[in-house]
Amino acid sequence: MKNNQNYSQDIAHIRSIMEQSTRFMSLSGWAGIMAGIYALLGIWFANKWLGYEPGGFGFDRWVGIDFKPASLIGLGLAVLILSMGTAIYLSSQKALKEGKKPWNSASRRLLMNTAVPLVAGGITMLAFISQQMYSTLIPLSLIFYGLSLYHGGRDSYKEIRILGIFEIMLGLMSLFLIEYSMFLWALGFGFLHIVYGIYLHYKYER
């Protein structure tokens, strides 16, 4: 009986080592929390100061005066850069504390698998911007970001794929509920990120 327990422990240990060598398991929960906070601040700024309020397919109504779509694009890029920079820094620090190399085959694979949907989404959104279809930006950002998480989740925590599915669902919902798309974007990029980050922190980092 004791030998069987030892065998089970050895198998679990071997499985853990194999998982760590093929998956990037150093993502920081705090990175998710901070990304959610950045997103909520971004959506507040877009509505309060830039006057962005999606109206429907092919047209938008603007609350602000002299609104420039480039300002909205710049704000989105700022939120993205802040979120990615925070995630890279905190995850690198976590990996170093665990005695691992932040940049290894698993992290490279995770980066490549998440980058493909993000780049495709960015190009698609630029095409819609060129047609002045600004109200589709929120649904598209949710959908392509969700695809990125779902695709990259194979190389990290399984919970990332679940988060990706929720983001895709919110994006599809916002296509039919354009007038509520800002709320759905805040829910997806803000609230869900914070909940996911807290869950990740308490499950894997404590």
N, C-alpha and C. Protein backbone atom coordinates (compact mmCIF):
# COMPACT_ATOMS: atom_id res chain seq x y z
N MET A 1 0.83 -1.21 0.00
CA MET A 1 0.00 0.00 0.00
C MET A 1 0.86 1.25 0.00
N LYS A 2 1.92 1.21 0.81
CA LYS A 2 2.82 2.35 0.89
C LYS A 2 3.54 2.56 -0.43
N ASN A 3 3.92 1.44 -1.09
CA ASN A 3 4.61 1.55 -2.38
C ASN A 3 3.71 2.20 -3.43
N ASN A 4 2.42 1.85 -3.39
CA ASN A 4 1.48 2.43 -4.35
C ASN A 4 1.37 3.94 -4.14
N GLN A 5 1.38 4.38 -2.87
CA GLN A 5 1.33 5.81 -2.58
C GLN A 5 2.58 6.52 -3.09
N ASN A 6 3.74 5.86 -2.91
CA ASN A 6 4.99 6.44 -3.39
C ASN A 6 4.99 6.57 -4.91
N TYR A 7 4.47 5.53 -5.59
CA TYR A 7 4.39 5.57 -7.05
C TYR A 7 3.48 6.71 -7.51
N SER A 8 2.35 6.88 -6.81
CA SER A 8 1.42 7.95 -7.16
C SER A 8 2.05 9.32 -6.98
N GLN A 9 2.80 9.48 -5.90
CA GLN A 9 3.49 10.74 -5.65
C GLN A 9 4.55 11.00 -6.71
N ASP A 10 5.28 9.94 -7.09
CA ASP A 10 6.31 10.10 -8.12
C ASP A 10 5.70 10.49 -9.46
N ILE A 11 4.58 9.86 -9.80
CA ILE A 11 3.91 10.16 -11.07
C ILE A 11 3.41 11.61 -11.07
N ALA A 12 2.83 12.04 -9.93
CA ALA A 12 2.34 13.42 -9.83
C ALA A 12 3.49 14.41 -9.94
N HIS A 13 4.65 14.06 -9.35
CA HIS A 13 5.81 14.94 -9.41
C HIS A 13 6.34 15.04 -10.83
N ILE A 14 6.42 13.92 -11.51
CA ILE A 14 6.89 13.89 -12.90
C ILE A 14 5.95 14.69 -13.79
N ARG A 15 4.64 14.52 -13.57
CA ARG A 15 3.65 15.25 -14.35
C ARG A 15 3.78 16.76 -14.13
N SER A 16 4.04 17.15 -12.88
CA SER A 16 4.22 18.57 -12.57
C SER A 16 5.44 19.14 -13.27
N ILE A 17 6.54 18.38 -13.28
CA ILE A 17 7.77 18.84 -13.95
C ILE A 17 7.54 19.00 -15.45
N MET A 18 6.86 18.02 -16.04
CA MET A 18 6.59 18.07 -17.48
C MET A 18 5.70 19.26 -17.83
N GLU A 19 4.70 19.52 -16.96
CA GLU A 19 3.80 20.64 -17.21
C GLU A 19 4.54 21.97 -17.15
N GLN A 20 5.43 22.10 -16.16
CA GLN A 20 6.19 23.34 -16.01
C GLN A 20 7.16 23.57 -17.15
N SER A 21 7.63 22.47 -17.77
CA SER A 21 8.59 22.61 -18.86
C SER A 21 7.90 22.94 -20.18
N THR A 22 6.61 22.63 -20.30
CA THR A 22 5.90 22.87 -21.56
C THR A 22 4.93 24.05 -21.47
N ARG A 23 4.64 24.53 -20.26
CA ARG A 23 3.72 25.64 -20.09
C ARG A 23 4.38 26.75 -19.29
N PHE A 24 3.97 27.99 -19.58
CA PHE A 24 4.47 29.13 -18.83
C PHE A 24 3.55 29.33 -17.64
N MET A 25 4.02 28.93 -16.45
CA MET A 25 3.19 28.93 -15.24
C MET A 25 3.58 30.05 -14.28
N SER A 26 4.15 31.12 -14.80
CA SER A 26 4.59 32.22 -13.94
C SER A 26 3.79 33.50 -14.16
N LEU A 27 2.62 33.39 -14.78
CA LEU A 27 1.79 34.57 -14.95
C LEU A 27 1.35 35.08 -13.58
N SER A 28 1.39 36.36 -13.39
CA SER A 28 1.06 36.96 -12.10
C SER A 28 -0.42 37.34 -12.03
N GLY A 29 -1.06 36.96 -10.92
CA GLY A 29 -2.44 37.36 -10.70
C GLY A 29 -2.59 38.87 -10.59
N TRP A 30 -1.57 39.51 -10.01
CA TRP A 30 -1.61 40.97 -9.88
C TRP A 30 -1.61 41.66 -11.24
N ALA A 31 -1.01 41.01 -12.24
CA ALA A 31 -1.02 41.58 -13.59
C ALA A 31 -2.44 41.64 -14.12
N GLY A 32 -3.24 40.61 -13.85
CA GLY A 32 -4.64 40.62 -14.27
C GLY A 32 -5.44 41.70 -13.55
N ILE A 33 -5.17 41.85 -12.25
CA ILE A 33 -5.87 42.88 -11.47
C ILE A 33 -5.55 44.27 -12.01
N MET A 34 -4.27 44.53 -12.27
CA MET A 34 -3.86 45.84 -12.77
C MET A 34 -4.42 46.10 -14.16
N ALA A 35 -4.45 45.06 -15.01
CA ALA A 35 -5.01 45.23 -16.36
C ALA A 35 -6.48 45.62 -16.27
N GLY A 36 -7.20 45.01 -15.33
CA GLY A 36 -8.60 45.36 -15.14
C GLY A 36 -8.78 46.80 -14.70
N ILE A 37 -7.91 47.26 -13.80
CA ILE A 37 -7.98 48.65 -13.33
C ILE A 37 -7.67 49.61 -14.47
N TYR A 38 -6.62 49.29 -15.27
CA TYR A 38 -6.29 50.15 -16.42
C TYR A 38 -7.47 50.25 -17.38
N ALA A 39 -8.14 49.11 -17.62
CA ALA A 39 -9.27 49.09 -18.56
C ALA A 39 -10.42 49.95 -18.05
N LEU A 40 -10.74 49.85 -16.76
CA LEU A 40 -11.83 50.65 -16.21
C LEU A 40 -11.52 52.14 -16.27
N LEU A 41 -10.27 52.48 -15.98
CA LEU A 41 -9.87 53.89 -16.09
C LEU A 41 -9.94 54.36 -17.55
N GLY A 42 -9.54 53.48 -18.48
CA GLY A 42 -9.58 53.82 -19.89
C GLY A 42 -11.00 54.06 -20.40
N ILE A 43 -11.94 53.19 -20.00
CA ILE A 43 -13.31 53.34 -20.47
C ILE A 43 -13.96 54.58 -19.86
N TRP A 44 -13.60 54.90 -18.62
CA TRP A 44 -14.11 56.12 -18.00
C TRP A 44 -13.57 57.36 -18.72
N PHE A 45 -12.28 57.33 -19.05
CA PHE A 45 -11.66 58.45 -19.74
C PHE A 45 -12.24 58.63 -21.13
N ALA A 46 -12.48 57.51 -21.83
CA ALA A 46 -13.03 57.58 -23.19
C ALA A 46 -14.41 58.22 -23.20
N ASN A 47 -15.22 57.90 -22.21
CA ASN A 47 -16.57 58.44 -22.17
C ASN A 47 -16.63 59.84 -21.58
N LYS A 48 -15.85 60.08 -20.51
CA LYS A 48 -15.93 61.35 -19.80
C LYS A 48 -15.20 62.47 -20.53
N TRP A 49 -14.00 62.16 -21.03
CA TRP A 49 -13.16 63.21 -21.59
C TRP A 49 -13.09 63.20 -23.11
N LEU A 50 -13.19 62.00 -23.72
CA LEU A 50 -13.16 61.94 -25.18
C LEU A 50 -14.55 61.98 -25.79
N GLY A 51 -15.56 61.71 -24.98
CA GLY A 51 -16.93 61.78 -25.48
C GLY A 51 -17.34 60.63 -26.37
N TYR A 52 -16.69 59.45 -26.21
CA TYR A 52 -17.03 58.31 -27.07
C TYR A 52 -18.23 57.57 -26.50
N GLU A 53 -19.27 57.44 -27.34
CA GLU A 53 -20.46 56.69 -26.95
C GLU A 53 -20.99 55.96 -28.18
N PRO A 54 -20.76 54.65 -28.30
CA PRO A 54 -21.20 53.92 -29.48
C PRO A 54 -22.70 54.06 -29.70
N GLY A 55 -23.06 54.25 -30.97
CA GLY A 55 -24.47 54.42 -31.28
C GLY A 55 -25.06 53.26 -32.07
N GLY A 56 -24.33 52.75 -33.05
CA GLY A 56 -24.86 51.66 -33.86
C GLY A 56 -23.93 51.36 -35.02
N PHE A 57 -24.32 50.41 -35.85
CA PHE A 57 -23.48 50.00 -36.96
C PHE A 57 -23.34 51.12 -37.99
N GLY A 58 -22.10 51.48 -38.29
CA GLY A 58 -21.86 52.45 -39.34
C GLY A 58 -21.97 53.89 -38.91
N PHE A 59 -22.39 54.15 -37.69
CA PHE A 59 -22.44 55.54 -37.23
C PHE A 59 -22.23 55.57 -35.72
N ASP A 60 -21.87 56.72 -35.21
CA ASP A 60 -21.66 56.93 -33.79
C ASP A 60 -22.18 58.31 -33.40
N ARG A 61 -22.57 58.42 -32.17
CA ARG A 61 -22.90 59.75 -31.68
C ARG A 61 -21.81 60.16 -30.69
N TRP A 62 -21.48 61.41 -30.72
CA TRP A 62 -20.38 61.91 -29.91
C TRP A 62 -20.89 62.89 -28.87
N VAL A 63 -20.60 62.60 -27.63
CA VAL A 63 -21.01 63.47 -26.54
C VAL A 63 -20.09 64.67 -26.47
N GLY A 64 -18.82 64.44 -26.73
CA GLY A 64 -17.83 65.50 -26.62
C GLY A 64 -17.81 66.41 -27.84
N ILE A 65 -17.02 67.47 -27.75
CA ILE A 65 -16.89 68.44 -28.83
C ILE A 65 -15.53 68.26 -29.49
N ASP A 66 -15.50 68.35 -30.82
CA ASP A 66 -14.25 68.22 -31.58
C ASP A 66 -13.54 66.90 -31.26
N PHE A 67 -14.33 65.83 -31.23
CA PHE A 67 -13.74 64.52 -30.95
C PHE A 67 -12.91 64.07 -32.13
N LYS A 68 -11.76 63.48 -31.84
CA LYS A 68 -10.90 62.92 -32.88
C LYS A 68 -10.73 61.43 -32.60
N PRO A 69 -11.11 60.56 -33.57
CA PRO A 69 -10.97 59.12 -33.36
C PRO A 69 -9.54 58.70 -33.01
N ALA A 70 -8.55 59.46 -33.49
CA ALA A 70 -7.15 59.13 -33.18
C ALA A 70 -6.92 59.14 -31.67
N SER A 71 -7.66 59.98 -30.95
CA SER A 71 -7.53 60.03 -29.50
C SER A 71 -7.99 58.72 -28.87
N LEU A 72 -9.06 58.15 -29.41
CA LEU A 72 -9.57 56.88 -28.90
C LEU A 72 -8.57 55.75 -29.18
N ILE A 73 -7.98 55.78 -30.37
CA ILE A 73 -6.98 54.77 -30.72
C ILE A 73 -5.77 54.89 -29.81
N GLY A 74 -5.33 56.12 -29.57
CA GLY A 74 -4.20 56.35 -28.69
C GLY A 74 -4.47 55.87 -27.27
N LEU A 75 -5.68 56.11 -26.79
CA LEU A 75 -6.06 55.65 -25.46
C LEU A 75 -6.04 54.13 -25.38
N GLY A 76 -6.58 53.48 -26.41
CA GLY A 76 -6.58 52.02 -26.44
C GLY A 76 -5.18 51.45 -26.43
N LEU A 77 -4.29 52.08 -27.21
CA LEU A 77 -2.90 51.62 -27.24
C LEU A 77 -2.22 51.84 -25.88
N ALA A 78 -2.55 52.95 -25.22
CA ALA A 78 -1.97 53.22 -23.92
C ALA A 78 -2.37 52.17 -22.89
N VAL A 79 -3.67 51.80 -22.90
CA VAL A 79 -4.15 50.75 -21.99
C VAL A 79 -3.47 49.42 -22.30
N LEU A 80 -3.34 49.11 -23.60
CA LEU A 80 -2.70 47.86 -24.01
C LEU A 80 -1.24 47.80 -23.58
N ILE A 81 -0.51 48.90 -23.82
CA ILE A 81 0.92 48.94 -23.47
C ILE A 81 1.11 48.85 -21.96
N LEU A 82 0.29 49.57 -21.20
CA LEU A 82 0.38 49.50 -19.74
C LEU A 82 0.10 48.09 -19.24
N SER A 83 -0.95 47.46 -19.78
CA SER A 83 -1.33 46.12 -19.35
C SER A 83 -0.25 45.11 -19.67
N MET A 84 0.27 45.15 -20.91
CA MET A 84 1.30 44.20 -21.32
C MET A 84 2.60 44.44 -20.56
N GLY A 85 2.96 45.72 -20.39
CA GLY A 85 4.19 46.03 -19.65
C GLY A 85 4.13 45.55 -18.22
N THR A 86 2.98 45.77 -17.57
CA THR A 86 2.80 45.31 -16.19
C THR A 86 2.85 43.79 -16.12
N ALA A 87 2.18 43.12 -17.07
CA ALA A 87 2.16 41.65 -17.08
C ALA A 87 3.56 41.09 -17.27
N ILE A 88 4.33 41.67 -18.20
CA ILE A 88 5.69 41.18 -18.44
C ILE A 88 6.58 41.38 -17.22
N TYR A 89 6.48 42.56 -16.60
CA TYR A 89 7.32 42.87 -15.44
C TYR A 89 6.98 41.97 -14.25
N LEU A 90 5.69 41.90 -13.89
CA LEU A 90 5.30 41.12 -12.71
C LEU A 90 5.52 39.62 -12.92
N SER A 91 5.25 39.14 -14.13
CA SER A 91 5.46 37.71 -14.41
C SER A 91 6.95 37.37 -14.42
N SER A 92 7.78 38.29 -14.91
CA SER A 92 9.22 38.08 -14.89
C SER A 92 9.74 38.02 -13.46
N GLN A 93 9.25 38.92 -12.61
CA GLN A 93 9.64 38.92 -11.21
C GLN A 93 9.22 37.63 -10.52
N LYS A 94 8.02 37.17 -10.83
CA LYS A 94 7.53 35.93 -10.23
C LYS A 94 8.38 34.74 -10.66
N ALA A 95 8.73 34.70 -11.96
CA ALA A 95 9.55 33.60 -12.47
C ALA A 95 10.93 33.59 -11.80
N LEU A 96 11.52 34.76 -11.64
CA LEU A 96 12.84 34.84 -11.00
C LEU A 96 12.78 34.38 -9.55
N LYS A 97 11.71 34.73 -8.84
CA LYS A 97 11.56 34.28 -7.46
C LYS A 97 11.42 32.76 -7.37
N GLU A 98 10.85 32.18 -8.41
CA GLU A 98 10.67 30.73 -8.45
C GLU A 98 11.90 30.01 -8.99
N GLY A 99 12.93 30.79 -9.31
CA GLY A 99 14.16 30.20 -9.84
C GLY A 99 14.06 29.77 -11.28
N LYS A 100 13.17 30.41 -12.04
CA LYS A 100 12.99 30.06 -13.44
C LYS A 100 13.44 31.21 -14.33
N LYS A 101 13.69 30.90 -15.59
CA LYS A 101 14.02 31.92 -16.57
C LYS A 101 12.74 32.49 -17.13
N PRO A 102 12.57 33.82 -17.07
CA PRO A 102 11.33 34.43 -17.61
C PRO A 102 11.17 34.18 -19.11
N TRP A 103 12.28 34.21 -19.84
CA TRP A 103 12.23 34.05 -21.29
C TRP A 103 12.74 32.66 -21.65
N ASN A 104 11.83 31.74 -21.88
CA ASN A 104 12.19 30.37 -22.22
C ASN A 104 11.28 29.89 -23.36
N SER A 105 11.36 28.63 -23.70
CA SER A 105 10.58 28.10 -24.82
C SER A 105 9.08 28.22 -24.56
N ALA A 106 8.66 28.02 -23.30
CA ALA A 106 7.24 28.09 -22.97
C ALA A 106 6.72 29.52 -23.12
N SER A 107 7.47 30.51 -22.61
CA SER A 107 7.02 31.91 -22.71
C SER A 107 7.06 32.39 -24.16
N ARG A 108 8.04 31.92 -24.93
CA ARG A 108 8.09 32.30 -26.36
C ARG A 108 6.88 31.74 -27.10
N ARG A 109 6.54 30.49 -26.80
CA ARG A 109 5.39 29.87 -27.45
C ARG A 109 4.09 30.57 -27.06
N LEU A 110 3.98 30.95 -25.78
CA LEU A 110 2.80 31.68 -25.31
C LEU A 110 2.68 33.02 -26.03
N LEU A 111 3.80 33.72 -26.17
CA LEU A 111 3.80 35.02 -26.84
C LEU A 111 3.37 34.90 -28.30
N MET A 112 3.92 33.93 -29.00
CA MET A 112 3.59 33.75 -30.41
C MET A 112 2.12 33.37 -30.60
N ASN A 113 1.62 32.47 -29.76
CA ASN A 113 0.25 32.00 -29.92
C ASN A 113 -0.78 33.07 -29.59
N THR A 114 -0.44 33.97 -28.66
CA THR A 114 -1.37 35.06 -28.34
C THR A 114 -1.23 36.22 -29.32
N ALA A 115 -0.05 36.38 -29.90
CA ALA A 115 0.20 37.53 -30.78
C ALA A 115 -0.55 37.41 -32.10
N VAL A 116 -0.70 36.20 -32.63
CA VAL A 116 -1.32 36.03 -33.95
C VAL A 116 -2.76 36.57 -33.97
N PRO A 117 -3.65 36.16 -33.05
CA PRO A 117 -5.00 36.74 -33.07
C PRO A 117 -5.01 38.24 -32.77
N LEU A 118 -4.10 38.70 -31.92
CA LEU A 118 -4.06 40.13 -31.59
C LEU A 118 -3.66 40.97 -32.80
N VAL A 119 -2.67 40.51 -33.54
CA VAL A 119 -2.23 41.24 -34.74
C VAL A 119 -3.33 41.22 -35.80
N ALA A 120 -3.95 40.06 -35.99
CA ALA A 120 -5.04 39.96 -36.96
C ALA A 120 -6.20 40.88 -36.56
N GLY A 121 -6.49 40.91 -35.26
CA GLY A 121 -7.55 41.78 -34.77
C GLY A 121 -7.22 43.25 -34.96
N GLY A 122 -5.97 43.61 -34.70
CA GLY A 122 -5.55 45.00 -34.86
C GLY A 122 -5.69 45.46 -36.30
N ILE A 123 -5.29 44.61 -37.24
CA ILE A 123 -5.41 44.97 -38.66
C ILE A 123 -6.87 45.09 -39.07
N THR A 124 -7.70 44.17 -38.57
CA THR A 124 -9.14 44.22 -38.87
C THR A 124 -9.75 45.51 -38.33
N MET A 125 -9.39 45.89 -37.12
CA MET A 125 -9.92 47.11 -36.52
C MET A 125 -9.47 48.35 -37.29
N LEU A 126 -8.24 48.35 -37.79
CA LEU A 126 -7.78 49.47 -38.60
C LEU A 126 -8.60 49.59 -39.88
N ALA A 127 -8.99 48.45 -40.45
CA ALA A 127 -9.82 48.48 -41.66
C ALA A 127 -11.18 49.09 -41.35
N PHE A 128 -11.76 48.75 -40.20
CA PHE A 128 -13.05 49.33 -39.82
C PHE A 128 -12.92 50.82 -39.51
N ILE A 129 -11.80 51.21 -38.92
CA ILE A 129 -11.56 52.63 -38.64
C ILE A 129 -11.50 53.42 -39.94
N SER A 130 -10.86 52.84 -40.95
CA SER A 130 -10.75 53.52 -42.24
C SER A 130 -12.12 53.74 -42.88
N GLN A 131 -13.10 52.89 -42.49
CA GLN A 131 -14.47 53.04 -43.00
C GLN A 131 -15.34 53.84 -42.04
N GLN A 132 -14.70 54.41 -41.00
CA GLN A 132 -15.39 55.22 -39.99
C GLN A 132 -16.49 54.43 -39.27
N MET A 133 -16.25 53.14 -39.06
CA MET A 133 -17.20 52.29 -38.32
C MET A 133 -16.66 52.08 -36.91
N TYR A 134 -16.68 53.14 -36.15
CA TYR A 134 -16.04 53.13 -34.84
C TYR A 134 -16.80 52.29 -33.81
N SER A 135 -18.13 52.16 -34.00
CA SER A 135 -18.89 51.41 -33.00
C SER A 135 -18.58 49.92 -32.99
N THR A 136 -17.92 49.43 -34.03
CA THR A 136 -17.56 48.01 -34.06
C THR A 136 -16.23 47.73 -33.36
N LEU A 137 -15.53 48.77 -32.93
CA LEU A 137 -14.21 48.57 -32.33
C LEU A 137 -14.29 47.79 -31.02
N ILE A 138 -15.29 48.11 -30.19
CA ILE A 138 -15.42 47.43 -28.91
C ILE A 138 -15.72 45.94 -29.08
N PRO A 139 -16.74 45.56 -29.89
CA PRO A 139 -16.97 44.12 -30.09
C PRO A 139 -15.76 43.39 -30.67
N LEU A 140 -15.11 44.00 -31.65
CA LEU A 140 -13.97 43.35 -32.27
C LEU A 140 -12.81 43.17 -31.28
N SER A 141 -12.58 44.18 -30.44
CA SER A 141 -11.48 44.07 -29.48
C SER A 141 -11.74 42.94 -28.49
N LEU A 142 -13.00 42.78 -28.05
CA LEU A 142 -13.34 41.69 -27.14
C LEU A 142 -13.19 40.33 -27.81
N ILE A 143 -13.67 40.22 -29.03
CA ILE A 143 -13.65 38.93 -29.73
C ILE A 143 -12.22 38.48 -30.02
N PHE A 144 -11.41 39.37 -30.60
CA PHE A 144 -10.04 38.97 -30.95
C PHE A 144 -9.18 38.78 -29.70
N TYR A 145 -9.42 39.56 -28.67
CA TYR A 145 -8.69 39.36 -27.42
C TYR A 145 -9.06 38.01 -26.80
N GLY A 146 -10.35 37.68 -26.85
CA GLY A 146 -10.79 36.38 -26.35
C GLY A 146 -10.17 35.23 -27.12
N LEU A 147 -10.10 35.38 -28.44
CA LEU A 147 -9.45 34.35 -29.27
C LEU A 147 -7.98 34.21 -28.90
N SER A 148 -7.33 35.33 -28.63
CA SER A 148 -5.93 35.31 -28.23
C SER A 148 -5.74 34.55 -26.92
N LEU A 149 -6.60 34.83 -25.94
CA LEU A 149 -6.51 34.13 -24.66
C LEU A 149 -6.80 32.64 -24.81
N TYR A 150 -7.81 32.32 -25.59
CA TYR A 150 -8.18 30.91 -25.77
C TYR A 150 -7.05 30.15 -26.47
N HIS A 151 -6.45 30.79 -27.46
CA HIS A 151 -5.37 30.14 -28.20
C HIS A 151 -4.12 30.00 -27.34
N GLY A 152 -3.81 31.04 -26.56
CA GLY A 152 -2.61 31.01 -25.74
C GLY A 152 -2.76 30.22 -24.46
N GLY A 153 -4.02 29.96 -24.06
CA GLY A 153 -4.25 29.24 -22.82
C GLY A 153 -3.70 27.82 -22.81
N ARG A 154 -3.44 27.28 -23.97
CA ARG A 154 -2.85 25.94 -24.03
C ARG A 154 -1.44 25.92 -23.47
N ASP A 155 -0.81 27.09 -23.42
CA ASP A 155 0.58 27.17 -22.99
C ASP A 155 0.73 27.77 -21.60
N SER A 156 -0.38 27.90 -20.87
CA SER A 156 -0.30 28.43 -19.52
C SER A 156 -1.44 27.85 -18.68
N TYR A 157 -1.96 28.61 -17.74
CA TYR A 157 -3.04 28.12 -16.89
C TYR A 157 -4.29 27.86 -17.70
N LYS A 158 -4.99 26.78 -17.35
CA LYS A 158 -6.22 26.43 -18.08
C LYS A 158 -7.30 27.48 -17.90
N GLU A 159 -7.25 28.23 -16.79
CA GLU A 159 -8.25 29.26 -16.54
C GLU A 159 -8.22 30.38 -17.59
N ILE A 160 -7.09 30.54 -18.25
CA ILE A 160 -6.98 31.58 -19.29
C ILE A 160 -7.93 31.28 -20.45
N ARG A 161 -8.06 30.01 -20.79
CA ARG A 161 -8.97 29.64 -21.89
C ARG A 161 -10.42 29.96 -21.51
N ILE A 162 -10.76 29.74 -20.23
CA ILE A 162 -12.11 30.04 -19.77
C ILE A 162 -12.36 31.55 -19.86
N LEU A 163 -11.36 32.33 -19.42
CA LEU A 163 -11.48 33.79 -19.53
C LEU A 163 -11.65 34.19 -20.99
N GLY A 164 -10.93 33.54 -21.89
CA GLY A 164 -11.04 33.83 -23.32
C GLY A 164 -12.44 33.57 -23.85
N ILE A 165 -13.06 32.49 -23.41
CA ILE A 165 -14.43 32.17 -23.85
C ILE A 165 -15.40 33.25 -23.40
N PHE A 166 -15.25 33.71 -22.16
CA PHE A 166 -16.12 34.77 -21.65
C PHE A 166 -15.94 36.07 -22.46
N GLU A 167 -14.68 36.38 -22.81
CA GLU A 167 -14.43 37.60 -23.58
C GLU A 167 -15.08 37.50 -24.96
N ILE A 168 -14.98 36.34 -25.60
CA ILE A 168 -15.60 36.14 -26.91
C ILE A 168 -17.11 36.28 -26.81
N MET A 169 -17.70 35.68 -25.78
CA MET A 169 -19.14 35.77 -25.60
C MET A 169 -19.60 37.21 -25.41
N LEU A 170 -18.86 37.98 -24.62
CA LEU A 170 -19.21 39.38 -24.42
C LEU A 170 -19.08 40.18 -25.71
N GLY A 171 -18.04 39.85 -26.51
CA GLY A 171 -17.85 40.52 -27.79
C GLY A 171 -18.99 40.24 -28.75
N LEU A 172 -19.43 39.00 -28.81
CA LEU A 172 -20.55 38.64 -29.68
C LEU A 172 -21.85 39.31 -29.21
N MET A 173 -22.03 39.37 -27.89
CA MET A 173 -23.21 40.05 -27.35
C MET A 173 -23.21 41.53 -27.72
N SER A 174 -22.03 42.14 -27.65
CA SER A 174 -21.95 43.58 -27.93
C SER A 174 -22.20 43.91 -29.40
N LEU A 175 -22.02 42.93 -30.29
CA LEU A 175 -22.36 43.14 -31.70
C LEU A 175 -23.85 43.38 -31.87
N PHE A 176 -24.65 42.75 -31.03
CA PHE A 176 -26.10 42.90 -31.11
C PHE A 176 -26.64 43.96 -30.16
N LEU A 177 -25.78 44.37 -29.22
CA LEU A 177 -26.18 45.38 -28.23
C LEU A 177 -25.16 46.51 -28.23
N ILE A 178 -25.02 47.16 -29.38
CA ILE A 178 -24.00 48.19 -29.54
C ILE A 178 -24.14 49.29 -28.49
N GLU A 179 -25.38 49.66 -28.18
CA GLU A 179 -25.59 50.75 -27.23
C GLU A 179 -25.09 50.41 -25.82
N TYR A 180 -24.91 49.11 -25.55
CA TYR A 180 -24.40 48.67 -24.25
C TYR A 180 -22.96 48.16 -24.34
N SER A 181 -22.32 48.39 -25.47
CA SER A 181 -21.00 47.79 -25.69
C SER A 181 -19.93 48.34 -24.75
N MET A 182 -20.05 49.60 -24.35
CA MET A 182 -19.07 50.15 -23.41
C MET A 182 -19.18 49.45 -22.06
N PHE A 183 -20.42 49.17 -21.65
CA PHE A 183 -20.63 48.44 -20.40
C PHE A 183 -20.06 47.03 -20.51
N LEU A 184 -20.30 46.36 -21.64
CA LEU A 184 -19.79 45.00 -21.84
C LEU A 184 -18.26 44.99 -21.92
N TRP A 185 -17.70 46.04 -22.52
CA TRP A 185 -16.23 46.14 -22.59
C TRP A 185 -15.65 46.30 -21.19
N ALA A 186 -16.29 47.16 -20.38
CA ALA A 186 -15.84 47.35 -19.01
C ALA A 186 -15.97 46.06 -18.22
N LEU A 187 -17.03 45.30 -18.49
CA LEU A 187 -17.23 44.02 -17.82
C LEU A 187 -16.15 43.02 -18.21
N GLY A 188 -15.85 42.96 -19.52
CA GLY A 188 -14.87 41.99 -20.00
C GLY A 188 -13.44 42.33 -19.66
N PHE A 189 -13.01 43.54 -20.02
CA PHE A 189 -11.62 43.91 -19.80
C PHE A 189 -11.36 44.39 -18.37
N GLY A 190 -12.39 44.91 -17.72
CA GLY A 190 -12.21 45.41 -16.36
C GLY A 190 -12.53 44.39 -15.29
N PHE A 191 -13.83 44.14 -15.10
CA PHE A 191 -14.29 43.29 -14.01
C PHE A 191 -13.75 41.86 -14.11
N LEU A 192 -13.85 41.23 -15.28
CA LEU A 192 -13.39 39.85 -15.42
C LEU A 192 -11.89 39.72 -15.19
N HIS A 193 -11.12 40.71 -15.64
CA HIS A 193 -9.69 40.68 -15.41
C HIS A 193 -9.37 40.74 -13.92
N ILE A 194 -10.07 41.59 -13.21
CA ILE A 194 -9.84 41.72 -11.77
C ILE A 194 -10.21 40.42 -11.04
N VAL A 195 -11.37 39.86 -11.38
CA VAL A 195 -11.80 38.59 -10.76
C VAL A 195 -10.81 37.48 -11.09
N TYR A 196 -10.40 37.41 -12.35
CA TYR A 196 -9.43 36.38 -12.77
C TYR A 196 -8.10 36.56 -12.04
N GLY A 197 -7.63 37.80 -11.91
CA GLY A 197 -6.37 38.05 -11.23
C GLY A 197 -6.41 37.66 -9.77
N ILE A 198 -7.52 37.98 -9.10
CA ILE A 198 -7.68 37.60 -7.69
C ILE A 198 -7.70 36.08 -7.54
N TYR A 199 -8.44 35.42 -8.42
CA TYR A 199 -8.51 33.96 -8.39
C TYR A 199 -7.14 33.33 -8.61
N LEU A 200 -6.43 33.84 -9.60
CA LEU A 200 -5.10 33.31 -9.92
C LEU A 200 -4.14 33.51 -8.76
N HIS A 201 -4.22 34.68 -8.13
CA HIS A 201 -3.33 34.99 -7.02
C HIS A 201 -3.56 34.04 -5.84
N TYR A 202 -4.82 33.83 -5.48
CA TYR A 202 -5.13 33.00 -4.32
C TYR A 202 -4.93 31.51 -4.59
N LYS A 203 -5.09 31.10 -5.85
CA LYS A 203 -4.94 29.68 -6.15
C LYS A 203 -3.49 29.27 -6.36
N TYR A 204 -2.69 30.13 -7.01
CA TYR A 204 -1.35 29.72 -7.41
C TYR A 204 -0.22 30.47 -6.72
N GLU A 205 -0.52 31.58 -6.07
CA GLU A 205 0.57 32.41 -5.56
C GLU A 205 0.63 32.51 -4.04
N ARG A 206 -0.35 31.97 -3.35
CA ARG A 206 -0.34 32.03 -1.90
C ARG A 206 0.22 30.75 -1.29
